[in-house]
C-alpha atoms as a PDB file:
ATOM      1  CA  UNK A   1       0.106  22.208   5.139  1.00  0.00           C
ATOM      2  CA  UNK A   2       2.971  20.851   3.640  1.00  0.00           C
ATOM      3  CA  UNK A   3       5.942  19.445   5.476  1.00  0.00           C
ATOM      4  CA  UNK A   4       9.959  19.656   4.054  1.00  0.00           C
ATOM      5  CA  UNK A   5      12.680  17.047   5.008  1.00  0.00           C
ATOM      6  CA  UNK A   6      15.940  16.277   3.958  1.00  0.00           C
ATOM      7  CA  UNK A   7      16.002  12.980   5.759  1.00  0.00           C
ATOM      8  CA  UNK A   8      13.950   9.612   6.114  1.00  0.00           C
ATOM      9  CA  UNK A   9      12.233   8.672   2.693  1.00  0.00           C
ATOM     10  CA  UNK A  10      15.183   8.120  -0.161  1.00  0.00           C
ATOM     11  CA  UNK A  11      12.528   6.161  -2.062  1.00  0.00           C
ATOM     12  CA  UNK A  12       8.936   6.381  -2.884  1.00  0.00           C
ATOM     13  CA  UNK A  13       6.990   3.564  -4.148  1.00  0.00           C
ATOM     14  CA  UNK A  14       3.940   5.055  -6.465  1.00  0.00           C
ATOM     15  CA  UNK A  15       2.782   1.821  -8.015  1.00  0.00           C
ATOM     16  CA  UNK A  16      -0.835   0.612  -7.071  1.00  0.00           C
ATOM     17  CA  UNK A  17      -1.224  -2.608  -4.791  1.00  0.00           C
ATOM     18  CA  UNK A  18      -0.565  -5.669  -6.552  1.00  0.00           C
ATOM     19  CA  UNK A  19       2.270  -4.716  -8.666  1.00  0.00           C
ATOM     20  CA  UNK A  20       4.427  -6.970  -6.598  1.00  0.00           C
ATOM     21  CA  UNK A  21       5.012  -4.414  -3.898  1.00  0.00           C
ATOM     22  CA  UNK A  22       5.365  -6.540  -1.061  1.00  0.00           C
ATOM     23  CA  UNK A  23       8.724  -8.203  -3.356  1.00  0.00           C
ATOM     24  CA  UNK A  24       9.810  -4.516  -3.493  1.00  0.00           C
ATOM     25  CA  UNK A  25       9.567  -4.177   0.038  1.00  0.00           C
ATOM     26  CA  UNK A  26      11.799  -7.100   0.292  1.00  0.00           C
ATOM     27  CA  UNK A  27      14.121  -5.806  -2.544  1.00  0.00           C
ATOM     28  CA  UNK A  28      14.791  -2.180  -1.410  1.00  0.00           C
ATOM     29  CA  UNK A  29      15.409  -3.504   2.259  1.00  0.00           C
ATOM     30  CA  UNK A  30      18.063  -6.007   1.019  1.00  0.00           C
ATOM     31  CA  UNK A  31      19.478  -2.769  -0.835  1.00  0.00           C
ATOM     32  CA  UNK A  32      19.614  -0.930   2.403  1.00  0.00           C
ATOM     33  CA  UNK A  33      16.568   1.067   1.924  1.00  0.00           C
ATOM     34  CA  UNK A  34      14.946  -0.233   4.799  1.00  0.00           C
ATOM     35  CA  UNK A  35      12.851  -0.305   6.785  1.00  0.00           C
ATOM     36  CA  UNK A  36      10.179  -0.340   3.960  1.00  0.00           C
ATOM     37  CA  UNK A  37       6.870   1.171   5.159  1.00  0.00           C
ATOM     38  CA  UNK A  38       4.339  -1.283   3.268  1.00  0.00           C
ATOM     39  CA  UNK A  39       0.755  -1.542   3.559  1.00  0.00           C
ATOM     40  CA  UNK A  40       1.386  -4.411   6.092  1.00  0.00           C
ATOM     41  CA  UNK A  41       2.397  -2.149   8.278  1.00  0.00           C
ATOM     42  CA  UNK A  42      -0.903  -0.441   8.546  1.00  0.00           C
ATOM     43  CA  UNK A  43      -2.430  -4.090   9.581  1.00  0.00           C
ATOM     44  CA  UNK A  44       0.423  -4.735  12.031  1.00  0.00           C
ATOM     45  CA  UNK A  45      -0.516  -1.163  13.584  1.00  0.00           C
ATOM     46  CA  UNK A  46      -3.982   0.159  13.567  1.00  0.00           C
ATOM     47  CA  UNK A  47      -3.020   3.056  15.360  1.00  0.00           C
ATOM     48  CA  UNK A  48      -1.094   4.467  11.758  1.00  0.00           C
ATOM     49  CA  UNK A  49      -5.220   5.028  10.336  1.00  0.00           C
ATOM     50  CA  UNK A  50      -5.960   7.642  12.411  1.00  0.00           C
ATOM     51  CA  UNK A  51      -2.597   9.250  10.681  1.00  0.00           C
ATOM     52  CA  UNK A  52      -3.484   8.533   7.283  1.00  0.00           C
ATOM     53  CA  UNK A  53      -6.746   9.622   7.889  1.00  0.00           C
ATOM     54  CA  UNK A  54      -5.243  12.997   8.966  1.00  0.00           C
ATOM     55  CA  UNK A  55      -2.903  12.972   5.737  1.00  0.00           C
ATOM     56  CA  UNK A  56      -6.142  12.386   3.808  1.00  0.00           C
ATOM     57  CA  UNK A  57      -7.460  15.755   5.725  1.00  0.00           C
ATOM     58  CA  UNK A  58      -4.577  17.689   4.399  1.00  0.00           C
ATOM     59  CA  UNK A  59      -1.929  17.336   6.944  1.00  0.00           C
ATOM     60  CA  UNK A  60       1.315  15.705   6.980  1.00  0.00           C
ATOM     61  CA  UNK A  61       2.497  13.677   9.621  1.00  0.00           C
ATOM     62  CA  UNK A  62       4.839  12.138   7.585  1.00  0.00           C
ATOM     63  CA  UNK A  63       7.576  11.546  10.226  1.00  0.00           C
ATOM     64  CA  UNK A  64       5.179   9.979  13.117  1.00  0.00           C
ATOM     65  CA  UNK A  65       4.364   7.502  10.065  1.00  0.00           C
ATOM     66  CA  UNK A  66       7.614   6.731   8.948  1.00  0.00           C
ATOM     67  CA  UNK A  67      10.080   6.805  11.530  1.00  0.00           C
ATOM     68  CA  UNK A  68      12.922   5.250  10.696  1.00  0.00           C
ATOM     69  CA  UNK A  69      11.916   4.030   7.193  1.00  0.00           C
ATOM     70  CA  UNK A  70      13.963   5.140   3.891  1.00  0.00           C
ATOM     71  CA  UNK A  71      11.522   3.686   1.619  1.00  0.00           C
ATOM     72  CA  UNK A  72       7.808   3.183   1.272  1.00  0.00           C
ATOM     73  CA  UNK A  73       6.119   0.644  -1.216  1.00  0.00           C
ATOM     74  CA  UNK A  74       2.346   0.131  -1.995  1.00  0.00           C
ATOM     75  CA  UNK A  75      -0.499   2.141  -0.631  1.00  0.00           C
ATOM     76  CA  UNK A  76      -1.098   3.988   1.578  1.00  0.00           C
ATOM     77  CA  UNK A  77       2.063   5.817   0.729  1.00  0.00           C
ATOM     78  CA  UNK A  78       1.772   5.711  -3.039  1.00  0.00           C
ATOM     79  CA  UNK A  79      -1.300   7.418  -2.886  1.00  0.00           C
ATOM     80  CA  UNK A  80       0.673  10.400  -1.739  1.00  0.00           C
ATOM     81  CA  UNK A  81       3.348  10.300  -4.232  1.00  0.00           C
ATOM     82  CA  UNK A  82       3.376  13.833  -4.720  1.00  0.00           C
ATOM     83  CA  UNK A  83       2.780  14.778  -1.019  1.00  0.00           C
ATOM     84  CA  UNK A  84       6.115  12.611   0.107  1.00  0.00           C
ATOM     85  CA  UNK A  85       7.917  14.000  -3.277  1.00  0.00           C
ATOM     86  CA  UNK A  86       7.834  17.722  -1.644  1.00  0.00           C
ATOM     87  CA  UNK A  87       8.449  16.362   1.985  1.00  0.00           C
ATOM     88  CA  UNK A  88      11.480  14.656   0.826  1.00  0.00           C
ATOM     89  CA  UNK A  89      12.867  16.547  -2.362  1.00  0.00           C
ATOM     90  CA  UNK A  90      16.127  14.529  -2.619  1.00  0.00           C
ATOM     91  CA  UNK A  91      13.885  11.150  -2.556  1.00  0.00           C
ATOM     92  CA  UNK A  92      13.360   9.038  -6.034  1.00  0.00           C
ATOM     93  CA  UNK A  93       9.860   7.941  -7.187  1.00  0.00           C
ATOM     94  CA  UNK A  94       9.988   3.676  -8.315  1.00  0.00           C
ATOM     95  CA  UNK A  95       6.454   3.326 -10.762  1.00  0.00           C
ATOM     96  CA  UNK A  96       6.075  -0.164 -10.704  1.00  0.00           C
ATOM     97  CA  UNK A  97       3.630  -1.292 -13.807  1.00  0.00           C
ATOM     98  CA  UNK A  98       1.915  -4.332 -14.675  1.00  0.00           C
ATOM     99  CA  UNK A  99      -0.054  -5.345 -17.706  1.00  0.00           C
ATOM    100  CA  UNK A 100      -3.916  -4.532 -17.085  1.00  0.00           C
ATOM    101  CA  UNK A 101      -5.627  -7.531 -17.654  1.00  0.00           C
ATOM    102  CA  UNK A 102      -3.325  -9.332 -15.209  1.00  0.00           C
ATOM    103  CA  UNK A 103      -3.743  -6.659 -12.701  1.00  0.00           C
ATOM    104  CA  UNK A 104      -7.151  -6.733 -12.559  1.00  0.00           C
ATOM    105  CA  UNK A 105      -8.334  -9.756 -11.129  1.00  0.00           C
ATOM    106  CA  UNK A 106      -5.565  -9.947  -8.538  1.00  0.00           C
ATOM    107  CA  UNK A 107      -6.538  -6.636  -7.441  1.00  0.00           C
ATOM    108  CA  UNK A 108     -10.374  -7.960  -7.410  1.00  0.00           C
ATOM    109  CA  UNK A 109      -9.055 -10.878  -5.390  1.00  0.00           C
ATOM    110  CA  UNK A 110      -8.063  -8.524  -3.007  1.00  0.00           C
ATOM    111  CA  UNK A 111      -8.832  -5.335  -2.572  1.00  0.00           C
ATOM    112  CA  UNK A 112     -12.272  -5.216  -4.284  1.00  0.00           C
ATOM    113  CA  UNK A 113     -13.530  -8.623  -2.873  1.00  0.00           C
ATOM    114  CA  UNK A 114     -12.329  -7.371   1.069  1.00  0.00           C
ATOM    115  CA  UNK A 115     -14.822  -3.723   0.131  1.00  0.00           C
ATOM    116  CA  UNK A 116     -17.885  -5.639  -1.737  1.00  0.00           C
ATOM    117  CA  UNK A 117     -17.091  -9.339  -1.627  1.00  0.00           C
ATOM    118  CA  UNK A 118     -19.424 -12.007   0.199  1.00  0.00           C
ATOM    119  CA  UNK A 119     -16.340 -14.773   0.407  1.00  0.00           C
ATOM    120  CA  UNK A 120     -15.338 -15.758   3.796  1.00  0.00           C
ATOM    121  CA  UNK A 121     -12.358 -13.179   4.050  1.00  0.00           C
ATOM    122  CA  UNK A 122     -14.721  -9.914   3.922  1.00  0.00           C
ATOM    123  CA  UNK A 123     -17.079 -11.525   6.109  1.00  0.00           C
ATOM    124  CA  UNK A 124     -14.317 -11.833   8.670  1.00  0.00           C
ATOM    125  CA  UNK A 125     -13.466  -8.564   7.828  1.00  0.00           C
ATOM    126  CA  UNK A 126     -16.679  -7.040   8.500  1.00  0.00           C
ATOM    127  CA  UNK A 127     -17.246  -9.070  11.560  1.00  0.00           C
ATOM    128  CA  UNK A 128     -13.689  -8.261  13.254  1.00  0.00           C
ATOM    129  CA  UNK A 129     -15.434  -4.262  12.381  1.00  0.00           C
ATOM    130  CA  UNK A 130     -18.078  -5.007  14.485  1.00  0.00           C
ATOM    131  CA  UNK A 131     -16.262  -5.657  17.529  1.00  0.00           C
ATOM    132  CA  UNK A 132     -12.646  -3.697  16.758  1.00  0.00           C
ATOM    133  CA  UNK A 133     -13.139  -0.069  16.373  1.00  0.00           C
ATOM    134  CA  UNK A 134      -9.763   0.541  15.256  1.00  0.00           C
ATOM    135  CA  UNK A 135     -10.334  -1.926  12.421  1.00  0.00           C
ATOM    136  CA  UNK A 136     -13.446  -0.444  11.394  1.00  0.00           C
ATOM    137  CA  UNK A 137     -11.922   2.693  10.665  1.00  0.00           C
ATOM    138  CA  UNK A 138      -9.199   0.846   8.843  1.00  0.00           C
ATOM    139  CA  UNK A 139     -11.948  -0.514   6.698  1.00  0.00           C
ATOM    140  CA  UNK A 140     -12.967   3.276   6.568  1.00  0.00           C
ATOM    141  CA  UNK A 141      -9.700   4.411   5.551  1.00  0.00           C
ATOM    142  CA  UNK A 142      -9.654   1.518   2.463  1.00  0.00           C
ATOM    143  CA  UNK A 143     -13.153   3.045   1.365  1.00  0.00           C
ATOM    144  CA  UNK A 144     -11.988   6.587   1.163  1.00  0.00           C
ATOM    145  CA  UNK A 145      -8.762   5.805  -0.610  1.00  0.00           C
ATOM    146  CA  UNK A 146      -9.796   3.657  -2.903  1.00  0.00           C
ATOM    147  CA  UNK A 147     -13.178   4.313  -3.662  1.00  0.00           C
ATOM    148  CA  UNK A 148     -15.076   7.589  -2.227  1.00  0.00           C
ATOM    149  CA  UNK A 149     -14.800  10.713  -3.758  1.00  0.00           C
ATOM    150  CA  UNK A 150     -10.908  11.036  -2.715  1.00  0.00           C
ATOM    151  CA  UNK A 151     -10.489   7.477  -4.047  1.00  0.00           C
ATOM    152  CA  UNK A 152      -7.831   6.330  -6.753  1.00  0.00           C
ATOM    153  CA  UNK A 153     -10.648   4.353  -8.166  1.00  0.00           C
ATOM    154  CA  UNK A 154     -13.661   6.448  -7.390  1.00  0.00           C
ATOM    155  CA  UNK A 155     -14.917   6.371 -10.735  1.00  0.00           C
ATOM    156  CA  UNK A 156     -15.904   2.846 -10.185  1.00  0.00           C
ATOM    157  CA  UNK A 157     -14.729  -1.063  -9.618  1.00  0.00           C
ATOM    158  CA  UNK A 158     -16.052  -2.953 -12.446  1.00  0.00           C
ATOM    159  CA  UNK A 159     -13.400  -4.423 -14.680  1.00  0.00           C
ATOM    160  CA  UNK A 160     -13.034  -1.910 -17.781  1.00  0.00           C
ATOM    161  CA  UNK A 161     -12.969   0.702 -14.876  1.00  0.00           C
ATOM    162  CA  UNK A 162     -10.415  -0.167 -12.791  1.00  0.00           C
ATOM    163  CA  UNK A 163      -7.917  -0.986 -15.881  1.00  0.00           C
ATOM    164  CA  UNK A 164      -8.994   2.572 -17.100  1.00  0.00           C
ATOM    165  CA  UNK A 165      -8.276   3.997 -13.941  1.00  0.00           C
ATOM    166  CA  UNK A 166      -4.878   2.140 -13.284  1.00  0.00           C
ATOM    167  CA  UNK A 167      -3.868   3.268 -16.583  1.00  0.00           C
ATOM    168  CA  UNK A 168      -4.562   6.766 -15.581  1.00  0.00           C
ATOM    169  CA  UNK A 169      -2.753   6.485 -12.224  1.00  0.00           C
ATOM    170  CA  UNK A 170       0.511   5.423 -14.096  1.00  0.00           C
ATOM    171  CA  UNK A 171      -0.029   8.391 -16.905  1.00  0.00           C
ATOM    172  CA  UNK A 172      -0.366  11.086 -14.069  1.00  0.00           C
ATOM    173  CA  UNK A 173       2.691   9.762 -11.980  1.00  0.00           C
ATOM    174  CA  UNK A 174       4.925   9.936 -15.241  1.00  0.00           C
ATOM    175  CA  UNK A 175       3.403  13.739 -15.640  1.00  0.00           C
ATOM    176  CA  UNK A 176       3.998  14.611 -12.115  1.00  0.00           C
ATOM    177  CA  UNK A 177       7.513  13.090 -11.796  1.00  0.00           C
ATOM    178  CA  UNK A 178      10.746  14.614 -13.200  1.00  0.00           C
ATOM    179  CA  UNK A 179      11.987  11.934 -15.203  1.00  0.00           C
ATOM    180  CA  UNK A 180      15.255  11.985 -13.426  1.00  0.00           C
ATOM    181  CA  UNK A 181      13.786  11.116 -10.500  1.00  0.00           C
ATOM    182  CA  UNK A 182      11.457   8.329 -11.906  1.00  0.00           C
ATOM    183  CA  UNK A 183      12.028   4.880 -12.972  1.00  0.00           C
ATOM    184  CA  UNK A 184       8.934   2.872 -14.168  1.00  0.00           C
ATOM    185  CA  UNK A 185       9.720  -0.589 -13.837  1.00  0.00           C
ATOM    186  CA  UNK A 186       8.448  -4.149 -13.886  1.00  0.00           C
ATOM    187  CA  UNK A 187       9.324  -6.882 -10.898  1.00  0.00           C
ATOM    188  CA  UNK A 188      10.262  -9.306 -13.630  1.00  0.00           C
ATOM    189  CA  UNK A 189      12.974  -6.952 -14.538  1.00  0.00           C
ATOM    190  CA  UNK A 190      14.480  -7.609 -11.649  1.00  0.00           C
ATOM    191  CA  UNK A 191      17.709  -5.940 -10.095  1.00  0.00           C
ATOM    192  CA  UNK A 192      19.234  -4.752 -12.780  1.00  0.00           C
ATOM    193  CA  UNK A 193      17.258  -1.299 -13.788  1.00  0.00           C
ATOM    194  CA  UNK A 194      16.261  -0.594 -10.210  1.00  0.00           C
ATOM    195  CA  UNK A 195      20.367  -0.687  -9.141  1.00  0.00           C
ATOM    196  CA  UNK A 196      21.121   1.486 -11.644  1.00  0.00           C
ATOM    197  CA  UNK A 197      18.455   3.878 -10.975  1.00  0.00           C
ATOM    198  CA  UNK A 198      19.598   3.712  -7.040  1.00  0.00           C
ATOM    199  CA  UNK A 199      23.161   3.915  -8.064  1.00  0.00           C
ATOM    200  CA  UNK A 200      24.114   0.667  -6.120  1.00  0.00           C
ATOM    201  CA  UNK A 201      25.737  -2.592  -6.750  1.00  0.00           C
ATOM    202  CA  UNK A 202      23.415  -5.721  -7.644  1.00  0.00           C
ATOM    203  CA  UNK A 203      23.375  -8.031  -4.897  1.00  0.00           C
ATOM    204  CA  UNK A 204      24.870 -11.277  -4.991  1.00  0.00           C
ATOM    205  CA  UNK A 205      21.667 -12.903  -3.514  1.00  0.00           C
ATOM    206  CA  UNK A 206      18.754 -13.671  -6.044  1.00  0.00           C
ATOM    207  CA  UNK A 207      15.632 -10.959  -6.536  1.00  0.00           C
ATOM    208  CA  UNK A 208      13.048 -11.607  -4.435  1.00  0.00           C
ATOM    209  CA  UNK A 209       9.938 -13.042  -4.773  1.00  0.00           C
ATOM    210  CA  UNK A 210       6.659 -12.553  -2.294  1.00  0.00           C
ATOM    211  CA  UNK A 211       3.447 -13.604  -2.443  1.00  0.00           C
ATOM    212  CA  UNK A 212       1.482 -10.761  -1.952  1.00  0.00           C
ATOM    213  CA  UNK A 213      -1.888 -12.248  -2.179  1.00  0.00           C
ATOM    214  CA  UNK A 214      -1.420 -15.266  -0.151  1.00  0.00           C
ATOM    215  CA  UNK A 215       0.191 -12.304   2.925  1.00  0.00           C
ATOM    216  CA  UNK A 216      -3.025 -10.061   2.586  1.00  0.00           C
ATOM    217  CA  UNK A 217      -5.542 -12.823   2.875  1.00  0.00           C
ATOM    218  CA  UNK A 218      -3.579 -14.339   5.889  1.00  0.00           C
ATOM    219  CA  UNK A 219      -3.740 -10.956   7.439  1.00  0.00           C
ATOM    220  CA  UNK A 220      -7.322 -10.032   6.932  1.00  0.00           C
ATOM    221  CA  UNK A 221      -8.169 -13.501   8.021  1.00  0.00           C
ATOM    222  CA  UNK A 222      -5.939 -14.657  10.787  1.00  0.00           C
ATOM    223  CA  UNK A 223      -6.704 -11.239  12.188  1.00  0.00           C
ATOM    224  CA  UNK A 224     -10.123 -11.236  12.101  1.00  0.00           C
ATOM    225  CA  UNK A 225     -10.014 -14.780  13.654  1.00  0.00           C
ATOM    226  CA  UNK A 226      -7.615 -13.765  16.264  1.00  0.00           C
ATOM    227  CA  UNK A 227     -10.084 -10.686  17.514  1.00  0.00           C
ATOM    228  CA  UNK A 228     -13.070 -12.388  17.216  1.00  0.00           C
ATOM    229  CA  UNK A 229     -11.575 -15.528  19.392  1.00  0.00           C
ATOM    230  CA  UNK A 230     -10.460 -12.742  21.710  1.00  0.00           C
ATOM    231  CA  UNK A 231     -13.544 -10.808  21.991  1.00  0.00           C
ATOM    232  CA  UNK A 232     -15.608 -14.137  22.341  1.00  0.00           C
ATOM    233  CA  UNK A 233     -13.692 -14.833  25.537  1.00  0.00           C
ATOM    234  CA  UNK A 234     -13.982 -11.786  26.986  1.00  0.00           C
ATOM    235  CA  UNK A 235     -17.822 -11.581  26.390  1.00  0.00           C
ATOM    236  CA  UNK A 236     -19.278 -15.058  27.327  1.00  0.00           C
ATOM    237  CA  UNK A 237     -22.804 -14.271  27.657  1.00  0.00           C
ATOM    238  CA  UNK A 238     -23.070 -12.545  24.539  1.00  0.00           C
ATOM    239  CA  UNK A 239     -25.438 -13.777  21.932  1.00  0.00           C
ATOM    240  CA  UNK A 240     -25.020 -11.398  18.553  1.00  0.00           C
END
């Protein structure tokens, strides 16, 4: 089912995670396109996971998900760039890109590690899922959106496979999005191309720089520790 609206999202971020998407969020909001919906919004409100599952099933709960947001960056929104182009026909599309060889280890240390790794971060994440059904469903959404049959990286998560699928995503976006609606952009290019594309003045403030990796790890680890502590306080007799 398709839903079309002429209000709401004005800029769709179609770039993959780990392409400076948190920096994009801050930049979009500085340019007046806030709030910007980002993966951190899902971590902050796990009730959104059910709505994203609905989207994966072909439904279109865009207004419920985005609310007052005027832009999106990162996944899950970027996964649905084609559907969002139809839902918001006046919206432009930003494809953030990055050199595959520098992107791959960054992606591996975060998204891949959370799903398949054995370090503290994934161990805490899966411990949280054992006592928090909403977070368990969140991890299932991650698997579905990245690694499952519908996933962006359904062909595998080895280094070469990841880079090949990254390049394939870039080419797909370039084919799908009309040239007059698309900006292919790297964060190091800063305000200039972005402001020209959006037809807005260049801000006086410096271009932002956000640490996506530290934010991601902090959200997952801190959220897990807080949930596990709350669960332990409420289950004093628990032994396993």
